[in-house]
Amino acid sequence: MKPHTFFAIITALLLAASSVHAQTEPAPPPDTGEPETIEVPASNWEHSLRASLTGTQATYRNWSQGGTDNLAILGNTAYSSEYSRDRYGYRLDINLRYGQTRIGDGDFIKSDDRIRIRNQASRKFRDERFSAIFNLNFESQFDKGYKNPVPEEGEPRELISRFMAPAYITQVLGLSYRPVESLRMEGGLAMKQTIVTDTDLSPRFGLPEGDSFRNEAGLSLLVGYERRVMENIFYSGYVETFTNVNRDLKYTDVLFVNEISGQINRYISANVEFVLAYDREVEEDWQVKQIISLGLSYSFFGD
C-alpha cells in the first residue's frame, strides 16, 4: 500500500469518527447568563492524621526533699484511612510511637516504642451488622530494648529486642458483628508469623536457637469498644486473642489495650494508656504498660 493511500484511509476514518461524535454529543445547555454550578461527587474515602509530642523535664539543685534530674520526650503519630462504597469497605490504621527518657547524667533510654499497621477489607451482608472480613496486621518496634536499661556499675546491658526482632504478621479471615457503632466483635481463622531477624534473640520469643521465622495456624477473637465519654474525652479499647490450634489453651496470646485521650484545646492534649499482654512463650506472667502524657497535639486533617 502506497503512503498517500494509507494516509487517505486514516483521514477518512478520522472524519467518520468525528461525524459520529458530533451526532452523539449532547447539545450544550442554553446560556442563562448565570454562572454554572458544578457538583463535586462526595469521596468514598475518609482520612485522619494526628500527631503529638509530649515531654517532661525536672531539675533539682540543693532541693531539701531530694530528687533526680530527668527529661522525657514521646512522639506519637496516628493515621487512618477508610474507604466505603455500597457493601464494600477497607480501613488502614497506622500507629507509630517512640519515646526516650534520661535520668540524671545517664544515657537516654527507650521509654516507648511501637510500629503497628492494621488493614481490614470487609463486605457487609444484607443485615449490615454482619460483615465478612480479612485482616492483615503488622507489629514491631524501631529501636533496641534492654532488660536492664540502667545497669549497675560494671554490669552489661542485656539486649531483649530490636527492629524486626521480634515482628509479628497476622492474617485473619472471618466475620465481624457490629450491633452498634461503638462496639465491634470479630473472629475467624488466623495465621500468625513471628520474625526474629537477630537469631541470638530467637529463644526469647519461642523459636529454636538459630531460627528466625515461625508460622502458626489458629483462631483469633477481638472485642473493641470506642466511645466519646465527654465532649473532649474519648475512650478506645480492645481485647484480642490468638489461640494456636496445635497447642494447649494456656499458650493463648492475649492483648488488652485501653486508651483515654482528652483534648484540652486545639493544640494541647492529655493521654492515658494502659496495656496488659500475655504471651507465655515470652513471659509466664502478665506484661503491664502504663503511660500518662501531656503535651502538644495537632490534627492535620480529619476529626
C-alpha atoms as a PDB file:
ATOM      1  CA  MET A   1       0.000   0.000   0.000  1.00  0.00           C
ATOM      2  CA  LYS A   2       1.358   3.408  -1.007  1.00  0.00           C
ATOM      3  CA  PRO A   3       1.854   6.046   1.733  1.00  0.00           C
ATOM      4  CA  HIS A   4      -0.650   8.522   0.267  1.00  0.00           C
ATOM      5  CA  THR A   5      -3.298   5.782   0.023  1.00  0.00           C
ATOM      6  CA  PHE A   6      -2.723   4.822   3.684  1.00  0.00           C
ATOM      7  CA  PHE A   7      -2.950   8.492   4.720  1.00  0.00           C
ATOM      8  CA  ALA A   8      -6.218   8.895   2.788  1.00  0.00           C
ATOM      9  CA  ILE A   9      -7.764   5.885   4.571  1.00  0.00           C
ATOM     10  CA  ILE A  10      -6.740   7.170   8.022  1.00  0.00           C
ATOM     11  CA  THR A  11      -8.107  10.640   7.199  1.00  0.00           C
ATOM     12  CA  ALA A  12     -11.436   9.156   6.082  1.00  0.00           C
ATOM     13  CA  LEU A  13     -11.719   7.110   9.298  1.00  0.00           C
ATOM     14  CA  LEU A  14     -10.989  10.174  11.459  1.00  0.00           C
ATOM     15  CA  LEU A  15     -13.583  12.251   9.594  1.00  0.00           C
ATOM     16  CA  ALA A  16     -16.152   9.467  10.019  1.00  0.00           C
ATOM     17  CA  ALA A  17     -15.426   9.214  13.737  1.00  0.00           C
ATOM     18  CA  SER A  18     -15.750  12.990  14.113  1.00  0.00           C
ATOM     19  CA  SER A  19     -19.088  12.880  12.334  1.00  0.00           C
ATOM     20  CA  VAL A  20     -20.421  10.161  14.641  1.00  0.00           C
ATOM     21  CA  HIS A  21     -19.167  12.039  17.711  1.00  0.00           C
ATOM     22  CA  ALA A  22     -20.852  15.219  16.535  1.00  0.00           C
ATOM     23  CA  GLN A  23     -24.134  13.367  16.098  1.00  0.00           C
ATOM     24  CA  THR A  24     -23.999  11.706  19.525  1.00  0.00           C
ATOM     25  CA  GLU A  25     -22.620  14.639  21.503  1.00  0.00           C
ATOM     26  CA  PRO A  26     -25.458  16.155  23.604  1.00  0.00           C
ATOM     27  CA  ALA A  27     -26.304  19.759  22.906  1.00  0.00           C
ATOM     28  CA  PRO A  28     -24.842  22.243  25.389  1.00  0.00           C
ATOM     29  CA  PRO A  29     -27.288  23.739  27.897  1.00  0.00           C
ATOM     30  CA  PRO A  30     -28.717  27.141  26.961  1.00  0.00           C
ATOM     31  CA  ASP A  31     -26.827  30.156  28.229  1.00  0.00           C
ATOM     32  CA  THR A  32     -28.926  31.672  31.009  1.00  0.00           C
ATOM     33  CA  GLY A  33     -26.356  34.291  31.900  1.00  0.00           C
ATOM     34  CA  GLU A  34     -25.856  32.781  35.385  1.00  0.00           C
ATOM     35  CA  PRO A  35     -22.620  31.096  36.479  1.00  0.00           C
ATOM     36  CA  GLU A  36     -22.693  27.322  36.070  1.00  0.00           C
ATOM     37  CA  THR A  37     -22.707  25.282  39.290  1.00  0.00           C
ATOM     38  CA  ILE A  38     -20.571  22.137  39.194  1.00  0.00           C
ATOM     39  CA  GLU A  39     -21.449  19.450  41.725  1.00  0.00           C
ATOM     40  CA  VAL A  40     -18.399  17.564  43.005  1.00  0.00           C
ATOM     41  CA  PRO A  41     -19.281  13.974  43.948  1.00  0.00           C
ATOM     42  CA  ALA A  42     -18.624  13.031  47.557  1.00  0.00           C
ATOM     43  CA  SER A  43     -15.473  10.994  48.040  1.00  0.00           C
ATOM     44  CA  ASN A  44     -15.663   7.394  49.188  1.00  0.00           C
ATOM     45  CA  TRP A  45     -12.527   7.979  51.277  1.00  0.00           C
ATOM     46  CA  GLU A  46     -12.140   9.468  54.746  1.00  0.00           C
ATOM     47  CA  HIS A  47      -8.700  10.273  56.138  1.00  0.00           C
ATOM     48  CA  SER A  48      -7.379  11.308  59.528  1.00  0.00           C
ATOM     49  CA  LEU A  49      -3.873  12.217  60.698  1.00  0.00           C
ATOM     50  CA  ARG A  50      -2.969  13.289  64.214  1.00  0.00           C
ATOM     51  CA  ALA A  51       0.488  13.869  65.658  1.00  0.00           C
ATOM     52  CA  SER A  52       1.516  14.664  69.210  1.00  0.00           C
ATOM     53  CA  LEU A  53       4.731  15.479  71.053  1.00  0.00           C
ATOM     54  CA  THR A  54       4.803  15.248  74.836  1.00  0.00           C
ATOM     55  CA  GLY A  55       7.595  15.770  77.293  1.00  0.00           C
ATOM     56  CA  THR A  56       8.540  16.296  80.896  1.00  0.00           C
ATOM     57  CA  GLN A  57      11.614  17.910  82.437  1.00  0.00           C
ATOM     58  CA  ALA A  58      12.682  18.263  86.046  1.00  0.00           C
ATOM     59  CA  THR A  59      15.812  19.836  87.513  1.00  0.00           C
ATOM     60  CA  TYR A  60      16.856  19.892  91.194  1.00  0.00           C
ATOM     61  CA  ARG A  61      19.579  21.932  92.881  1.00  0.00           C
ATOM     62  CA  ASN A  62      20.018  21.753  96.670  1.00  0.00           C
ATOM     63  CA  TRP A  63      16.399  20.613  96.983  1.00  0.00           C
ATOM     64  CA  SER A  64      15.843  19.612 100.586  1.00  0.00           C
ATOM     65  CA  GLN A  65      13.383  16.836  99.720  1.00  0.00           C
ATOM     66  CA  GLY A  66      15.700  15.298  97.165  1.00  0.00           C
ATOM     67  CA  GLY A  67      15.093  14.422  93.522  1.00  0.00           C
ATOM     68  CA  THR A  68      16.841  13.370  90.331  1.00  0.00           C
ATOM     69  CA  ASP A  69      17.077  15.426  87.156  1.00  0.00           C
ATOM     70  CA  ASN A  70      15.125  13.814  84.332  1.00  0.00           C
ATOM     71  CA  LEU A  71      13.995  14.520  80.797  1.00  0.00           C
ATOM     72  CA  ALA A  72      11.403  12.552  78.803  1.00  0.00           C
ATOM     73  CA  ILE A  73      10.156  13.006  75.236  1.00  0.00           C
ATOM     74  CA  LEU A  74       7.459  10.975  73.462  1.00  0.00           C
ATOM     75  CA  GLY A  75       6.244  11.313  69.870  1.00  0.00           C
ATOM     76  CA  ASN A  76       3.071   9.717  68.583  1.00  0.00           C
ATOM     77  CA  THR A  77       1.521   9.627  65.111  1.00  0.00           C
ATOM     78  CA  ALA A  78      -1.869   8.076  64.301  1.00  0.00           C
ATOM     79  CA  TYR A  79      -3.110   7.841  60.735  1.00  0.00           C
ATOM     80  CA  SER A  80      -6.312   6.237  59.469  1.00  0.00           C
ATOM     81  CA  SER A  81      -7.827   5.954  56.014  1.00  0.00           C
ATOM     82  CA  GLU A  82     -11.232   4.399  55.337  1.00  0.00           C
ATOM     83  CA  TYR A  83     -12.985   3.555  52.085  1.00  0.00           C
ATOM     84  CA  SER A  84     -16.665   2.688  51.796  1.00  0.00           C
ATOM     85  CA  ARG A  85     -18.776   2.002  48.715  1.00  0.00           C
ATOM     86  CA  ASP A  86     -22.024   0.068  48.644  1.00  0.00           C
ATOM     87  CA  ARG A  87     -21.383  -3.023  50.792  1.00  0.00           C
ATOM     88  CA  TYR A  88     -17.593  -2.983  50.417  1.00  0.00           C
ATOM     89  CA  GLY A  89     -15.130  -1.333  52.740  1.00  0.00           C
ATOM     90  CA  TYR A  90     -11.439  -1.005  53.533  1.00  0.00           C
ATOM     91  CA  ARG A  91      -9.649   0.558  56.505  1.00  0.00           C
ATOM     92  CA  LEU A  92      -5.969   1.262  57.153  1.00  0.00           C
ATOM     93  CA  ASP A  93      -4.641   2.273  60.587  1.00  0.00           C
ATOM     94  CA  ILE A  94      -1.013   3.185  61.243  1.00  0.00           C
ATOM     95  CA  ASN A  95       0.193   3.992  64.750  1.00  0.00           C
ATOM     96  CA  LEU A  96       3.829   4.972  65.344  1.00  0.00           C
ATOM     97  CA  ARG A  97       5.181   5.811  68.810  1.00  0.00           C
ATOM     98  CA  TYR A  98       8.672   6.452  70.095  1.00  0.00           C
ATOM     99  CA  GLY A  99       9.926   7.933  73.332  1.00  0.00           C
ATOM    100  CA  GLN A 100      13.165   8.345  75.262  1.00  0.00           C
ATOM    101  CA  THR A 101      13.981   9.222  78.858  1.00  0.00           C
ATOM    102  CA  ARG A 102      17.139  10.452  80.502  1.00  0.00           C
ATOM    103  CA  ILE A 103      17.608  10.191  84.259  1.00  0.00           C
ATOM    104  CA  GLY A 104      20.357  12.202  85.875  1.00  0.00           C
ATOM    105  CA  ASP A 105      23.565  12.261  83.859  1.00  0.00           C
ATOM    106  CA  GLY A 106      22.916   8.851  82.310  1.00  0.00           C
ATOM    107  CA  ASP A 107      22.240   7.975  78.699  1.00  0.00           C
ATOM    108  CA  PHE A 108      18.883   8.326  77.008  1.00  0.00           C
ATOM    109  CA  ILE A 109      16.920   5.072  77.182  1.00  0.00           C
ATOM    110  CA  LYS A 110      13.808   3.958  75.328  1.00  0.00           C
ATOM    111  CA  SER A 111      10.554   4.552  77.178  1.00  0.00           C
ATOM    112  CA  ASP A 112       8.019   3.621  74.464  1.00  0.00           C
ATOM    113  CA  ASP A 113       8.306   2.098  71.013  1.00  0.00           C
ATOM    114  CA  ARG A 114       5.661   0.880  68.581  1.00  0.00           C
ATOM    115  CA  ILE A 115       5.067   0.184  64.916  1.00  0.00           C
ATOM    116  CA  ARG A 116       1.502  -1.003  64.366  1.00  0.00           C
ATOM    117  CA  ILE A 117      -0.137  -1.306  60.936  1.00  0.00           C
ATOM    118  CA  ARG A 118      -3.631  -2.761  60.550  1.00  0.00           C
ATOM    119  CA  ASN A 119      -5.526  -3.413  57.316  1.00  0.00           C
ATOM    120  CA  GLN A 120      -9.099  -4.652  57.036  1.00  0.00           C
ATOM    121  CA  ALA A 121     -11.139  -5.389  53.918  1.00  0.00           C
ATOM    122  CA  SER A 122     -14.837  -6.058  54.517  1.00  0.00           C
ATOM    123  CA  ARG A 123     -18.051  -6.939  52.735  1.00  0.00           C
ATOM    124  CA  LYS A 124     -21.361  -6.312  54.513  1.00  0.00           C
ATOM    125  CA  PHE A 125     -24.196  -8.820  54.406  1.00  0.00           C
ATOM    126  CA  ARG A 126     -27.853  -7.992  53.888  1.00  0.00           C
ATOM    127  CA  ASP A 127     -28.041  -7.475  57.642  1.00  0.00           C
ATOM    128  CA  GLU A 128     -25.389  -4.747  57.743  1.00  0.00           C
ATOM    129  CA  ARG A 129     -24.463  -5.512  61.328  1.00  0.00           C
ATOM    130  CA  PHE A 130     -22.596  -8.534  59.950  1.00  0.00           C
ATOM    131  CA  SER A 131     -19.607  -8.458  57.598  1.00  0.00           C
ATOM    132  CA  ALA A 132     -17.115 -10.855  56.079  1.00  0.00           C
ATOM    133  CA  ILE A 133     -13.630  -9.554  56.858  1.00  0.00           C
ATOM    134  CA  PHE A 134      -9.999 -10.126  56.004  1.00  0.00           C
ATOM    135  CA  ASN A 135      -7.343  -8.573  58.266  1.00  0.00           C
ATOM    136  CA  LEU A 136      -3.635  -8.169  57.571  1.00  0.00           C
ATOM    137  CA  ASN A 137      -1.670  -6.739  60.510  1.00  0.00           C
ATOM    138  CA  PHE A 138       1.971  -5.964  61.276  1.00  0.00           C
ATOM    139  CA  GLU A 139       3.646  -5.090  64.576  1.00  0.00           C
ATOM    140  CA  SER A 140       7.239  -4.376  65.552  1.00  0.00           C
ATOM    141  CA  GLN A 141       9.393  -1.643  67.113  1.00  0.00           C
ATOM    142  CA  PHE A 142      12.028   0.869  65.964  1.00  0.00           C
ATOM    143  CA  ASP A 143      14.854   0.606  68.455  1.00  0.00           C
ATOM    144  CA  LYS A 144      16.774  -1.700  70.736  1.00  0.00           C
ATOM    145  CA  GLY A 145      15.224  -2.658  74.064  1.00  0.00           C
ATOM    146  CA  TYR A 146      17.082  -3.772  77.177  1.00  0.00           C
ATOM    147  CA  LYS A 147      16.036  -5.832  80.181  1.00  0.00           C
ATOM    148  CA  ASN A 148      18.212  -3.616  82.395  1.00  0.00           C
ATOM    149  CA  PRO A 149      18.302  -0.229  80.617  1.00  0.00           C
ATOM    150  CA  VAL A 150      20.067   1.346  83.633  1.00  0.00           C
ATOM    151  CA  PRO A 151      22.553  -1.336  84.702  1.00  0.00           C
ATOM    152  CA  GLU A 152      24.544  -1.346  87.876  1.00  0.00           C
ATOM    153  CA  GLU A 153      28.115  -0.126  87.621  1.00  0.00           C
ATOM    154  CA  GLY A 154      30.191  -2.650  85.688  1.00  0.00           C
ATOM    155  CA  GLU A 155      27.108  -4.665  84.629  1.00  0.00           C
ATOM    156  CA  PRO A 156      26.473  -5.008  80.870  1.00  0.00           C
ATOM    157  CA  ARG A 157      23.054  -4.222  79.460  1.00  0.00           C
ATOM    158  CA  GLU A 158      21.045  -7.247  78.310  1.00  0.00           C
ATOM    159  CA  LEU A 159      19.503  -6.793  74.861  1.00  0.00           C
ATOM    160  CA  ILE A 160      15.990  -8.258  74.606  1.00  0.00           C
ATOM    161  CA  SER A 161      14.547  -6.711  71.410  1.00  0.00           C
ATOM    162  CA  ARG A 162      15.333  -4.584  68.361  1.00  0.00           C
ATOM    163  CA  PHE A 163      13.821  -3.632  64.996  1.00  0.00           C
ATOM    164  CA  MET A 164      12.196  -6.732  63.420  1.00  0.00           C
ATOM    165  CA  ALA A 165      13.201  -8.786  66.441  1.00  0.00           C
ATOM    166  CA  PRO A 166      10.502  -9.578  67.050  1.00  0.00           C
ATOM    167  CA  ALA A 167       7.980  -8.648  64.370  1.00  0.00           C
ATOM    168  CA  TYR A 168       4.521 -10.172  64.063  1.00  0.00           C
ATOM    169  CA  ILE A 169       2.389 -10.544  60.950  1.00  0.00           C
ATOM    170  CA  THR A 170      -1.159 -11.874  61.295  1.00  0.00           C
ATOM    171  CA  GLN A 171      -3.894 -12.663  58.798  1.00  0.00           C
ATOM    172  CA  VAL A 172      -7.499 -13.260  59.852  1.00  0.00           C
ATOM    173  CA  LEU A 173     -10.373 -14.442  57.647  1.00  0.00           C
ATOM    174  CA  GLY A 174     -13.698 -14.390  59.426  1.00  0.00           C
ATOM    175  CA  LEU A 175     -16.792 -12.479  60.472  1.00  0.00           C
ATOM    176  CA  SER A 176     -17.486  -9.162  62.155  1.00  0.00           C
ATOM    177  CA  TYR A 177     -20.565  -8.244  64.183  1.00  0.00           C
ATOM    178  CA  ARG A 178     -21.273  -4.582  64.970  1.00  0.00           C
ATOM    179  CA  PRO A 179     -24.601  -4.220  66.816  1.00  0.00           C
ATOM    180  CA  VAL A 180     -23.931  -0.509  67.495  1.00  0.00           C
ATOM    181  CA  GLU A 181     -21.397   1.941  66.114  1.00  0.00           C
ATOM    182  CA  SER A 182     -19.240   1.892  69.260  1.00  0.00           C
ATOM    183  CA  LEU A 183     -18.958  -1.900  69.672  1.00  0.00           C
ATOM    184  CA  ARG A 184     -17.471  -4.479  67.328  1.00  0.00           C
ATOM    185  CA  MET A 185     -16.785  -8.193  67.669  1.00  0.00           C
ATOM    186  CA  GLU A 186     -14.602 -10.148  65.249  1.00  0.00           C
ATOM    187  CA  GLY A 187     -13.473 -13.734  64.974  1.00  0.00           C
ATOM    188  CA  GLY A 188     -12.139 -16.188  62.469  1.00  0.00           C
ATOM    189  CA  LEU A 189      -9.373 -18.432  61.206  1.00  0.00           C
ATOM    190  CA  ALA A 190      -5.934 -16.902  61.626  1.00  0.00           C
ATOM    191  CA  MET A 191      -2.326 -17.297  60.623  1.00  0.00           C
ATOM    192  CA  LYS A 192       0.486 -15.723  62.633  1.00  0.00           C
ATOM    193  CA  GLN A 193       4.105 -15.321  61.609  1.00  0.00           C
ATOM    194  CA  THR A 194       6.837 -14.464  64.121  1.00  0.00           C
ATOM    195  CA  ILE A 195      10.010 -12.936  62.683  1.00  0.00           C
ATOM    196  CA  VAL A 196      13.228 -12.538  64.680  1.00  0.00           C
ATOM    197  CA  THR A 197      15.993 -11.155  62.465  1.00  0.00           C
ATOM    198  CA  ASP A 198      18.545 -11.298  65.314  1.00  0.00           C
ATOM    199  CA  THR A 199      18.829 -15.055  65.841  1.00  0.00           C
ATOM    200  CA  ASP A 200      20.613 -14.515  69.181  1.00  0.00           C
ATOM    201  CA  LEU A 201      17.174 -13.437  70.471  1.00  0.00           C
ATOM    202  CA  SER A 202      15.230 -16.333  68.896  1.00  0.00           C
ATOM    203  CA  PRO A 203      14.896 -18.460  72.100  1.00  0.00           C
ATOM    204  CA  ARG A 204      13.424 -15.466  73.934  1.00  0.00           C
ATOM    205  CA  PHE A 205      10.430 -15.466  71.580  1.00  0.00           C
ATOM    206  CA  GLY A 206       9.835 -19.209  71.483  1.00  0.00           C
ATOM    207  CA  LEU A 207      11.901 -20.036  68.391  1.00  0.00           C
ATOM    208  CA  PRO A 208      14.634 -22.691  68.341  1.00  0.00           C
ATOM    209  CA  GLU A 209      18.128 -21.250  68.582  1.00  0.00           C
ATOM    210  CA  GLY A 210      19.255 -20.013  65.179  1.00  0.00           C
ATOM    211  CA  ASP A 211      15.744 -19.873  63.677  1.00  0.00           C
ATOM    212  CA  SER A 212      14.322 -16.554  62.514  1.00  0.00           C
ATOM    213  CA  PHE A 213      10.784 -17.498  61.416  1.00  0.00           C
ATOM    214  CA  ARG A 214       7.789 -19.362  62.796  1.00  0.00           C
ATOM    215  CA  ASN A 215       4.344 -19.846  61.257  1.00  0.00           C
ATOM    216  CA  GLU A 216       1.271 -20.749  63.349  1.00  0.00           C
ATOM    217  CA  ALA A 217      -2.335 -21.534  62.488  1.00  0.00           C
ATOM    218  CA  GLY A 218      -5.113 -20.819  64.907  1.00  0.00           C
ATOM    219  CA  LEU A 219      -8.197 -18.831  65.869  1.00  0.00           C
ATOM    220  CA  SER A 220      -8.453 -15.123  66.572  1.00  0.00           C
ATOM    221  CA  LEU A 221     -11.070 -13.204  68.560  1.00  0.00           C
ATOM    222  CA  LEU A 222     -11.396  -9.456  69.088  1.00  0.00           C
ATOM    223  CA  VAL A 223     -13.818  -7.253  71.004  1.00  0.00           C
ATOM    224  CA  GLY A 224     -13.393  -3.497  70.597  1.00  0.00           C
ATOM    225  CA  TYR A 225     -15.209  -0.550  72.116  1.00  0.00           C
ATOM    226  CA  GLU A 226     -14.978   3.165  71.381  1.00  0.00           C
ATOM    227  CA  ARG A 227     -16.960   5.963  72.930  1.00  0.00           C
ATOM    228  CA  ARG A 228     -16.830   9.706  73.487  1.00  0.00           C
ATOM    229  CA  VAL A 229     -17.090   9.898  77.275  1.00  0.00           C
ATOM    230  CA  MET A 230     -17.389  13.684  77.402  1.00  0.00           C
ATOM    231  CA  GLU A 231     -17.200  16.467  74.852  1.00  0.00           C
ATOM    232  CA  ASN A 232     -13.384  16.433  74.722  1.00  0.00           C
ATOM    233  CA  ILE A 233     -12.629  12.986  76.196  1.00  0.00           C
ATOM    234  CA  PHE A 234     -12.555   9.841  74.075  1.00  0.00           C
ATOM    235  CA  TYR A 235     -12.056   6.208  75.156  1.00  0.00           C
ATOM    236  CA  SER A 236     -10.946   3.377  72.892  1.00  0.00           C
ATOM    237  CA  GLY A 237     -10.031  -0.137  73.886  1.00  0.00           C
ATOM    238  CA  TYR A 238      -9.974  -3.707  72.688  1.00  0.00           C
ATOM    239  CA  VAL A 239      -9.076  -7.208  73.806  1.00  0.00           C
ATOM    240  CA  GLU A 240      -7.573  -9.505  71.178  1.00  0.00           C
ATOM    241  CA  THR A 241      -6.581 -13.168  71.414  1.00  0.00           C
ATOM    242  CA  PHE A 242      -4.768 -15.703  69.258  1.00  0.00           C
ATOM    243  CA  THR A 243      -5.011 -19.423  70.004  1.00  0.00           C
ATOM    244  CA  ASN A 244      -2.705 -21.894  68.266  1.00  0.00           C
ATOM    245  CA  VAL A 245      -4.835 -24.926  67.403  1.00  0.00           C
ATOM    246  CA  ASN A 246      -1.841 -27.252  67.936  1.00  0.00           C
ATOM    247  CA  ARG A 247      -1.033 -26.079  71.458  1.00  0.00           C
ATOM    248  CA  ASP A 248      -2.614 -26.040  74.894  1.00  0.00           C
ATOM    249  CA  LEU A 249      -5.037 -23.193  75.669  1.00  0.00           C
ATOM    250  CA  LYS A 250      -2.620 -21.816  78.269  1.00  0.00           C
ATOM    251  CA  TYR A 251      -0.478 -20.641  75.330  1.00  0.00           C
ATOM    252  CA  THR A 252      -3.246 -18.350  74.061  1.00  0.00           C
ATOM    253  CA  ASP A 253      -1.864 -14.866  73.412  1.00  0.00           C
ATOM    254  CA  VAL A 254      -3.915 -12.040  74.948  1.00  0.00           C
ATOM    255  CA  LEU A 255      -3.624  -8.288  74.345  1.00  0.00           C
ATOM    256  CA  PHE A 256      -5.815  -5.842  76.287  1.00  0.00           C
ATOM    257  CA  VAL A 257      -5.386  -2.188  75.274  1.00  0.00           C
ATOM    258  CA  ASN A 258      -7.075   0.842  76.865  1.00  0.00           C
ATOM    259  CA  GLU A 259      -6.523   4.458  75.894  1.00  0.00           C
ATOM    260  CA  ILE A 260      -8.203   7.647  77.092  1.00  0.00           C
ATOM    261  CA  SER A 261      -7.412  10.826  75.188  1.00  0.00           C
ATOM    262  CA  GLY A 262      -8.508  14.301  76.171  1.00  0.00           C
ATOM    263  CA  GLN A 263      -8.226  17.415  74.016  1.00  0.00           C
ATOM    264  CA  ILE A 264      -7.737  20.400  76.337  1.00  0.00           C
ATOM    265  CA  ASN A 265      -7.717  22.806  73.418  1.00  0.00           C
ATOM    266  CA  ARG A 266      -6.742  22.755  69.758  1.00  0.00           C
ATOM    267  CA  TYR A 267      -3.055  22.171  70.492  1.00  0.00           C
ATOM    268  CA  ILE A 268      -2.796  20.617  73.973  1.00  0.00           C
ATOM    269  CA  SER A 269      -3.892  17.070  74.786  1.00  0.00           C
ATOM    270  CA  ALA A 270      -3.593  14.543  77.590  1.00  0.00           C
ATOM    271  CA  ASN A 271      -3.458  10.770  77.164  1.00  0.00           C
ATOM    272  CA  VAL A 272      -3.588   7.763  79.439  1.00  0.00           C
ATOM    273  CA  GLU A 273      -2.646   4.323  78.077  1.00  0.00           C
ATOM    274  CA  PHE A 274      -2.927   1.058  79.987  1.00  0.00           C
ATOM    275  CA  VAL A 275      -1.958  -2.226  78.328  1.00  0.00           C
ATOM    276  CA  LEU A 276      -1.983  -5.822  79.544  1.00  0.00           C
ATOM    277  CA  ALA A 277      -0.316  -8.552  77.464  1.00  0.00           C
ATOM    278  CA  TYR A 278       0.094 -12.271  77.960  1.00  0.00           C
ATOM    279  CA  ASP A 279       2.436 -14.356  75.808  1.00  0.00           C
ATOM    280  CA  ARG A 280       3.631 -17.425  77.669  1.00  0.00           C
ATOM    281  CA  GLU A 281       6.468 -18.032  75.229  1.00  0.00           C
ATOM    282  CA  VAL A 282       7.970 -14.655  76.159  1.00  0.00           C
ATOM    283  CA  GLU A 283       6.951 -14.211  79.817  1.00  0.00           C
ATOM    284  CA  GLU A 284       4.977 -16.522  82.098  1.00  0.00           C
ATOM    285  CA  ASP A 285       3.466 -13.551  83.933  1.00  0.00           C
ATOM    286  CA  TRP A 286       1.271 -10.754  82.597  1.00  0.00           C
ATOM    287  CA  GLN A 287       3.125  -7.863  80.995  1.00  0.00           C
ATOM    288  CA  VAL A 288       1.947  -4.384  82.031  1.00  0.00           C
ATOM    289  CA  LYS A 289       2.472  -0.971  80.429  1.00  0.00           C
ATOM    290  CA  GLN A 290       1.066   2.327  81.723  1.00  0.00           C
ATOM    291  CA  ILE A 291       1.795   5.741  80.227  1.00  0.00           C
ATOM    292  CA  ILE A 292       0.383   9.150  81.194  1.00  0.00           C
ATOM    293  CA  SER A 293       1.341  12.032  78.914  1.00  0.00           C
ATOM    294  CA  LEU A 294       0.549  15.709  78.431  1.00  0.00           C
ATOM    295  CA  GLY A 295       1.795  17.759  75.522  1.00  0.00           C
ATOM    296  CA  LEU A 296       1.273  19.269  72.097  1.00  0.00           C
ATOM    297  CA  SER A 297      -1.167  17.654  69.673  1.00  0.00           C
ATOM    298  CA  TYR A 298      -2.333  18.660  66.220  1.00  0.00           C
ATOM    299  CA  SER A 299      -4.787  17.171  63.772  1.00  0.00           C
ATOM    300  CA  PHE A 300      -3.640  17.769  60.175  1.00  0.00           C
ATOM    301  CA  PHE A 301      -6.900  16.559  58.624  1.00  0.00           C
ATOM    302  CA  GLY A 302      -9.914  14.540  59.697  1.00  0.00           C
ATOM    303  CA  ASP A 303     -11.642  14.803  63.058  1.00  0.00           C
END
